[in-house]
Amino acid sequence: MATPALVASLAVAALHVIFFVLESVLWTTATGRRIFGQSRDDAQTTRVLALNQGAYNAGVAALLAWAALTGRGDTATALLAFIVAMGVVGGVTAKPTILALQAAPAALALALLHLA
């Protein structure tokens, strides 16, 4: 894997670690509620769902980092394509900023992976 693709893939993995922390650790805190625009009650009600979502993000981060660091371009491609697709779904159904924060970085990493 070429260096730009490796760096971009690891950056996407790092973003997903941040998403994990936000969703699984900080969801019901003042910071988490502010970021996700939720009331205390709404955050508490959706806490378990957010924990599950965060766990998925942690898994994607770990797998993408492993694929990038071990040169498994086909696996990195599949994971990045999945991240782009889920970013589009999230952008359309939940919050448009997901397109910029999740889909766009993964699309860039995917492009760099295929330009190498």
N, C-alpha and C. Protein backbone atom coordinates (compact mmCIF):
# COMPACT_ATOMS: atom_id res chain seq x y z
N MET A 1 0.85 -1.18 0.00
CA MET A 1 0.00 0.00 0.00
C MET A 1 0.90 1.24 0.00
N ALA A 2 0.65 2.15 -0.90
CA ALA A 2 1.43 3.38 -1.00
C ALA A 2 1.20 4.25 0.25
N THR A 3 2.20 5.05 0.56
CA THR A 3 2.15 5.86 1.78
C THR A 3 0.92 6.76 1.87
N PRO A 4 0.55 7.50 0.83
CA PRO A 4 -0.65 8.35 0.97
C PRO A 4 -1.91 7.54 1.29
N ALA A 5 -2.06 6.38 0.67
CA ALA A 5 -3.23 5.53 0.94
C ALA A 5 -3.17 4.97 2.35
N LEU A 6 -1.98 4.59 2.79
CA LEU A 6 -1.81 4.08 4.16
C LEU A 6 -2.18 5.15 5.18
N VAL A 7 -1.64 6.35 4.99
CA VAL A 7 -1.92 7.45 5.93
C VAL A 7 -3.41 7.78 5.94
N ALA A 8 -4.01 7.87 4.76
CA ALA A 8 -5.45 8.20 4.68
C ALA A 8 -6.29 7.10 5.32
N SER A 9 -5.94 5.85 5.09
CA SER A 9 -6.69 4.74 5.69
C SER A 9 -6.57 4.75 7.21
N LEU A 10 -5.37 5.01 7.71
CA LEU A 10 -5.18 5.08 9.16
C LEU A 10 -5.91 6.30 9.76
N ALA A 11 -5.99 7.38 9.00
CA ALA A 11 -6.75 8.55 9.47
C ALA A 11 -8.23 8.22 9.57
N VAL A 12 -8.75 7.48 8.60
CA VAL A 12 -10.16 7.06 8.65
C VAL A 12 -10.37 6.13 9.85
N ALA A 13 -9.42 5.23 10.08
CA ALA A 13 -9.53 4.35 11.26
C ALA A 13 -9.53 5.18 12.54
N ALA A 14 -8.68 6.19 12.61
CA ALA A 14 -8.63 7.06 13.79
C ALA A 14 -9.95 7.80 13.99
N LEU A 15 -10.56 8.27 12.90
CA LEU A 15 -11.87 8.92 13.00
C LEU A 15 -12.89 7.97 13.61
N HIS A 16 -12.83 6.70 13.23
CA HIS A 16 -13.80 5.75 13.75
C HIS A 16 -13.54 5.41 15.22
N VAL A 17 -12.32 5.53 15.65
CA VAL A 17 -12.05 5.41 17.09
C VAL A 17 -12.70 6.59 17.82
N ILE A 18 -12.58 7.78 17.24
CA ILE A 18 -13.22 8.96 17.84
C ILE A 18 -14.74 8.78 17.87
N PHE A 19 -15.32 8.27 16.78
CA PHE A 19 -16.76 8.02 16.75
C PHE A 19 -17.14 7.03 17.85
N PHE A 20 -16.31 5.99 18.03
CA PHE A 20 -16.56 5.02 19.10
C PHE A 20 -16.61 5.70 20.46
N VAL A 21 -15.64 6.54 20.73
CA VAL A 21 -15.59 7.23 22.03
C VAL A 21 -16.83 8.12 22.20
N LEU A 22 -17.15 8.87 21.16
CA LEU A 22 -18.32 9.76 21.24
C LEU A 22 -19.60 8.99 21.49
N GLU A 23 -19.77 7.87 20.80
CA GLU A 23 -21.02 7.12 20.88
C GLU A 23 -21.08 6.17 22.08
N SER A 24 -19.97 5.56 22.42
CA SER A 24 -19.99 4.54 23.47
C SER A 24 -19.61 5.06 24.85
N VAL A 25 -18.87 6.15 24.89
CA VAL A 25 -18.38 6.66 26.17
C VAL A 25 -19.04 8.00 26.53
N LEU A 26 -19.12 8.90 25.56
CA LEU A 26 -19.56 10.27 25.85
C LEU A 26 -21.02 10.56 25.52
N TRP A 27 -21.75 9.58 25.04
CA TRP A 27 -23.11 9.78 24.54
C TRP A 27 -24.00 10.55 25.51
N THR A 28 -24.00 10.17 26.79
CA THR A 28 -24.92 10.79 27.75
C THR A 28 -24.30 11.97 28.49
N THR A 29 -23.04 12.30 28.20
CA THR A 29 -22.41 13.45 28.85
C THR A 29 -22.86 14.74 28.17
N ALA A 30 -22.58 15.86 28.82
CA ALA A 30 -22.94 17.16 28.24
C ALA A 30 -22.29 17.33 26.87
N THR A 31 -21.05 16.92 26.73
CA THR A 31 -20.35 17.04 25.45
C THR A 31 -21.03 16.19 24.38
N GLY A 32 -21.32 14.95 24.70
CA GLY A 32 -21.97 14.06 23.74
C GLY A 32 -23.35 14.55 23.34
N ARG A 33 -24.10 15.01 24.33
CA ARG A 33 -25.45 15.52 24.02
C ARG A 33 -25.38 16.76 23.15
N ARG A 34 -24.41 17.63 23.39
CA ARG A 34 -24.26 18.84 22.57
C ARG A 34 -23.89 18.47 21.14
N ILE A 35 -22.92 17.57 20.98
CA ILE A 35 -22.47 17.18 19.64
C ILE A 35 -23.61 16.54 18.84
N PHE A 36 -24.39 15.71 19.50
CA PHE A 36 -25.45 14.99 18.80
C PHE A 36 -26.82 15.66 18.92
N GLY A 37 -26.87 16.82 19.59
CA GLY A 37 -28.11 17.58 19.69
C GLY A 37 -29.23 16.84 20.39
N GLN A 38 -28.91 16.24 21.52
CA GLN A 38 -29.90 15.45 22.24
C GLN A 38 -30.15 16.01 23.64
N SER A 39 -31.36 15.82 24.09
CA SER A 39 -31.68 16.15 25.48
C SER A 39 -31.12 15.05 26.38
N ARG A 40 -31.08 15.33 27.66
CA ARG A 40 -30.62 14.33 28.63
C ARG A 40 -31.47 13.06 28.54
N ASP A 41 -32.80 13.24 28.46
CA ASP A 41 -33.70 12.09 28.39
C ASP A 41 -33.52 11.29 27.10
N ASP A 42 -33.41 12.00 25.98
CA ASP A 42 -33.22 11.31 24.70
C ASP A 42 -31.91 10.53 24.69
N ALA A 43 -30.86 11.14 25.20
CA ALA A 43 -29.56 10.46 25.24
C ALA A 43 -29.63 9.22 26.12
N GLN A 44 -30.30 9.32 27.23
CA GLN A 44 -30.42 8.17 28.13
C GLN A 44 -31.25 7.06 27.47
N THR A 45 -32.31 7.45 26.77
CA THR A 45 -33.17 6.47 26.10
C THR A 45 -32.42 5.73 24.99
N THR A 46 -31.56 6.42 24.27
CA THR A 46 -30.86 5.83 23.12
C THR A 46 -29.44 5.35 23.46
N ARG A 47 -29.09 5.37 24.73
CA ARG A 47 -27.73 5.02 25.17
C ARG A 47 -27.27 3.65 24.68
N VAL A 48 -28.12 2.64 24.80
CA VAL A 48 -27.74 1.28 24.40
C VAL A 48 -27.55 1.20 22.88
N LEU A 49 -28.40 1.88 22.14
CA LEU A 49 -28.24 1.90 20.68
C LEU A 49 -26.93 2.56 20.28
N ALA A 50 -26.61 3.67 20.94
CA ALA A 50 -25.36 4.37 20.64
C ALA A 50 -24.14 3.52 21.01
N LEU A 51 -24.23 2.79 22.11
CA LEU A 51 -23.14 1.90 22.51
C LEU A 51 -22.90 0.85 21.43
N ASN A 52 -23.97 0.28 20.91
CA ASN A 52 -23.86 -0.71 19.84
C ASN A 52 -23.24 -0.08 18.58
N GLN A 53 -23.72 1.09 18.22
CA GLN A 53 -23.19 1.80 17.05
C GLN A 53 -21.71 2.10 17.24
N GLY A 54 -21.34 2.54 18.43
CA GLY A 54 -19.93 2.82 18.72
C GLY A 54 -19.08 1.58 18.63
N ALA A 55 -19.61 0.45 19.11
CA ALA A 55 -18.86 -0.80 19.03
C ALA A 55 -18.59 -1.19 17.57
N TYR A 56 -19.56 -0.98 16.71
CA TYR A 56 -19.34 -1.23 15.28
C TYR A 56 -18.23 -0.34 14.74
N ASN A 57 -18.24 0.92 15.13
CA ASN A 57 -17.19 1.83 14.68
C ASN A 57 -15.81 1.40 15.17
N ALA A 58 -15.73 0.90 16.39
CA ALA A 58 -14.45 0.41 16.91
C ALA A 58 -13.98 -0.80 16.11
N GLY A 59 -14.91 -1.68 15.78
CA GLY A 59 -14.56 -2.85 14.98
C GLY A 59 -14.09 -2.48 13.59
N VAL A 60 -14.77 -1.56 12.97
CA VAL A 60 -14.36 -1.08 11.64
C VAL A 60 -12.98 -0.45 11.72
N ALA A 61 -12.74 0.34 12.75
CA ALA A 61 -11.43 0.99 12.93
C ALA A 61 -10.33 -0.05 13.07
N ALA A 62 -10.55 -1.05 13.89
CA ALA A 62 -9.54 -2.08 14.11
C ALA A 62 -9.27 -2.86 12.83
N LEU A 63 -10.31 -3.25 12.13
CA LEU A 63 -10.13 -4.00 10.89
C LEU A 63 -9.45 -3.18 9.81
N LEU A 64 -9.83 -1.91 9.68
CA LEU A 64 -9.22 -1.06 8.67
C LEU A 64 -7.74 -0.82 8.98
N ALA A 65 -7.43 -0.56 10.24
CA ALA A 65 -6.02 -0.37 10.61
C ALA A 65 -5.22 -1.64 10.33
N TRP A 66 -5.77 -2.79 10.69
CA TRP A 66 -5.10 -4.06 10.42
C TRP A 66 -4.88 -4.26 8.92
N ALA A 67 -5.91 -4.02 8.12
CA ALA A 67 -5.81 -4.19 6.67
C ALA A 67 -4.75 -3.26 6.09
N ALA A 68 -4.75 -2.02 6.53
CA ALA A 68 -3.80 -1.03 6.01
C ALA A 68 -2.37 -1.39 6.41
N LEU A 69 -2.18 -1.75 7.66
CA LEU A 69 -0.83 -2.02 8.17
C LEU A 69 -0.25 -3.34 7.67
N THR A 70 -1.10 -4.24 7.23
CA THR A 70 -0.61 -5.52 6.72
C THR A 70 -0.67 -5.61 5.20
N GLY A 71 -1.00 -4.49 4.55
CA GLY A 71 -0.99 -4.44 3.09
C GLY A 71 -2.12 -5.20 2.42
N ARG A 72 -3.21 -5.39 3.10
CA ARG A 72 -4.35 -6.09 2.52
C ARG A 72 -5.27 -5.08 1.83
N GLY A 73 -4.86 -4.69 0.64
CA GLY A 73 -5.57 -3.66 -0.11
C GLY A 73 -6.99 -4.04 -0.44
N ASP A 74 -7.24 -5.32 -0.73
CA ASP A 74 -8.61 -5.73 -1.06
C ASP A 74 -9.53 -5.60 0.16
N THR A 75 -9.02 -5.94 1.33
CA THR A 75 -9.81 -5.80 2.54
C THR A 75 -10.03 -4.32 2.88
N ALA A 76 -8.98 -3.52 2.73
CA ALA A 76 -9.11 -2.08 2.97
C ALA A 76 -10.12 -1.48 2.00
N THR A 77 -10.08 -1.91 0.75
CA THR A 77 -11.04 -1.43 -0.25
C THR A 77 -12.48 -1.75 0.18
N ALA A 78 -12.71 -2.97 0.60
CA ALA A 78 -14.06 -3.37 1.02
C ALA A 78 -14.51 -2.56 2.23
N LEU A 79 -13.63 -2.38 3.20
CA LEU A 79 -14.00 -1.62 4.40
C LEU A 79 -14.26 -0.16 4.07
N LEU A 80 -13.41 0.43 3.26
CA LEU A 80 -13.60 1.84 2.89
C LEU A 80 -14.88 2.04 2.10
N ALA A 81 -15.18 1.11 1.19
CA ALA A 81 -16.43 1.19 0.43
C ALA A 81 -17.63 1.08 1.37
N PHE A 82 -17.55 0.19 2.36
CA PHE A 82 -18.60 0.05 3.35
C PHE A 82 -18.77 1.35 4.14
N ILE A 83 -17.66 1.96 4.54
CA ILE A 83 -17.71 3.21 5.30
C ILE A 83 -18.35 4.32 4.47
N VAL A 84 -17.98 4.40 3.20
CA VAL A 84 -18.59 5.41 2.33
C VAL A 84 -20.10 5.18 2.25
N ALA A 85 -20.50 3.94 2.02
CA ALA A 85 -21.93 3.62 1.90
C ALA A 85 -22.67 3.97 3.18
N MET A 86 -22.12 3.60 4.32
CA MET A 86 -22.79 3.89 5.60
C MET A 86 -22.79 5.39 5.88
N GLY A 87 -21.76 6.10 5.42
CA GLY A 87 -21.73 7.55 5.57
C GLY A 87 -22.82 8.22 4.75
N VAL A 88 -23.06 7.69 3.57
CA VAL A 88 -24.15 8.22 2.73
C VAL A 88 -25.50 7.94 3.40
N VAL A 89 -25.69 6.73 3.89
CA VAL A 89 -26.93 6.40 4.59
C VAL A 89 -27.12 7.32 5.79
N GLY A 90 -26.09 7.49 6.59
CA GLY A 90 -26.18 8.37 7.76
C GLY A 90 -26.42 9.81 7.38
N GLY A 91 -25.79 10.25 6.29
CA GLY A 91 -25.98 11.62 5.84
C GLY A 91 -27.39 11.89 5.36
N VAL A 92 -28.00 10.90 4.75
CA VAL A 92 -29.36 11.05 4.23
C VAL A 92 -30.40 10.88 5.34
N THR A 93 -30.16 9.95 6.26
CA THR A 93 -31.19 9.62 7.25
C THR A 93 -31.02 10.30 8.60
N ALA A 94 -29.79 10.64 8.97
CA ALA A 94 -29.57 11.15 10.33
C ALA A 94 -29.10 12.60 10.35
N LYS A 95 -27.96 12.86 9.74
CA LYS A 95 -27.37 14.19 9.83
C LYS A 95 -26.46 14.41 8.61
N PRO A 96 -26.70 15.46 7.84
CA PRO A 96 -25.91 15.68 6.62
C PRO A 96 -24.40 15.80 6.86
N THR A 97 -24.00 16.25 8.02
CA THR A 97 -22.56 16.38 8.29
C THR A 97 -21.84 15.04 8.28
N ILE A 98 -22.57 13.95 8.40
CA ILE A 98 -21.96 12.62 8.35
C ILE A 98 -21.30 12.40 6.99
N LEU A 99 -21.87 13.02 5.95
CA LEU A 99 -21.25 12.90 4.62
C LEU A 99 -19.82 13.46 4.65
N ALA A 100 -19.63 14.59 5.31
CA ALA A 100 -18.31 15.21 5.36
C ALA A 100 -17.38 14.53 6.35
N LEU A 101 -17.92 14.07 7.46
CA LEU A 101 -17.07 13.51 8.51
C LEU A 101 -16.76 12.03 8.35
N GLN A 102 -17.61 11.30 7.65
CA GLN A 102 -17.40 9.87 7.50
C GLN A 102 -17.21 9.46 6.04
N ALA A 103 -18.15 9.83 5.18
CA ALA A 103 -18.10 9.36 3.80
C ALA A 103 -16.94 9.98 3.02
N ALA A 104 -16.76 11.29 3.14
CA ALA A 104 -15.73 11.97 2.34
C ALA A 104 -14.31 11.49 2.67
N PRO A 105 -13.92 11.40 3.95
CA PRO A 105 -12.56 10.89 4.23
C PRO A 105 -12.35 9.47 3.72
N ALA A 106 -13.37 8.63 3.85
CA ALA A 106 -13.24 7.25 3.37
C ALA A 106 -13.16 7.22 1.84
N ALA A 107 -13.91 8.08 1.18
CA ALA A 107 -13.85 8.14 -0.29
C ALA A 107 -12.47 8.60 -0.75
N LEU A 108 -11.90 9.57 -0.05
CA LEU A 108 -10.55 10.03 -0.38
C LEU A 108 -9.54 8.90 -0.20
N ALA A 109 -9.62 8.19 0.92
CA ALA A 109 -8.71 7.08 1.18
C ALA A 109 -8.87 6.00 0.11
N LEU A 110 -10.11 5.73 -0.26
CA LEU A 110 -10.38 4.75 -1.30
C LEU A 110 -9.78 5.17 -2.63
N ALA A 111 -9.92 6.43 -2.97
CA ALA A 111 -9.33 6.94 -4.22
C ALA A 111 -7.81 6.81 -4.19
N LEU A 112 -7.19 7.20 -3.08
CA LEU A 112 -5.74 7.11 -2.95
C LEU A 112 -5.27 5.67 -3.03
N LEU A 113 -6.05 4.75 -2.47
CA LEU A 113 -5.70 3.34 -2.52
C LEU A 113 -5.68 2.83 -3.96
N HIS A 114 -6.61 3.32 -4.77
CA HIS A 114 -6.70 2.85 -6.14
C HIS A 114 -5.83 3.62 -7.13
N LEU A 115 -5.32 4.76 -6.70
CA LEU A 115 -4.38 5.49 -7.55
C LEU A 115 -2.97 4.91 -7.45
N ALA A 116 -2.71 4.19 -6.39
CA ALA A 116 -1.36 3.63 -6.15
C ALA A 116 -1.08 2.47 -7.07
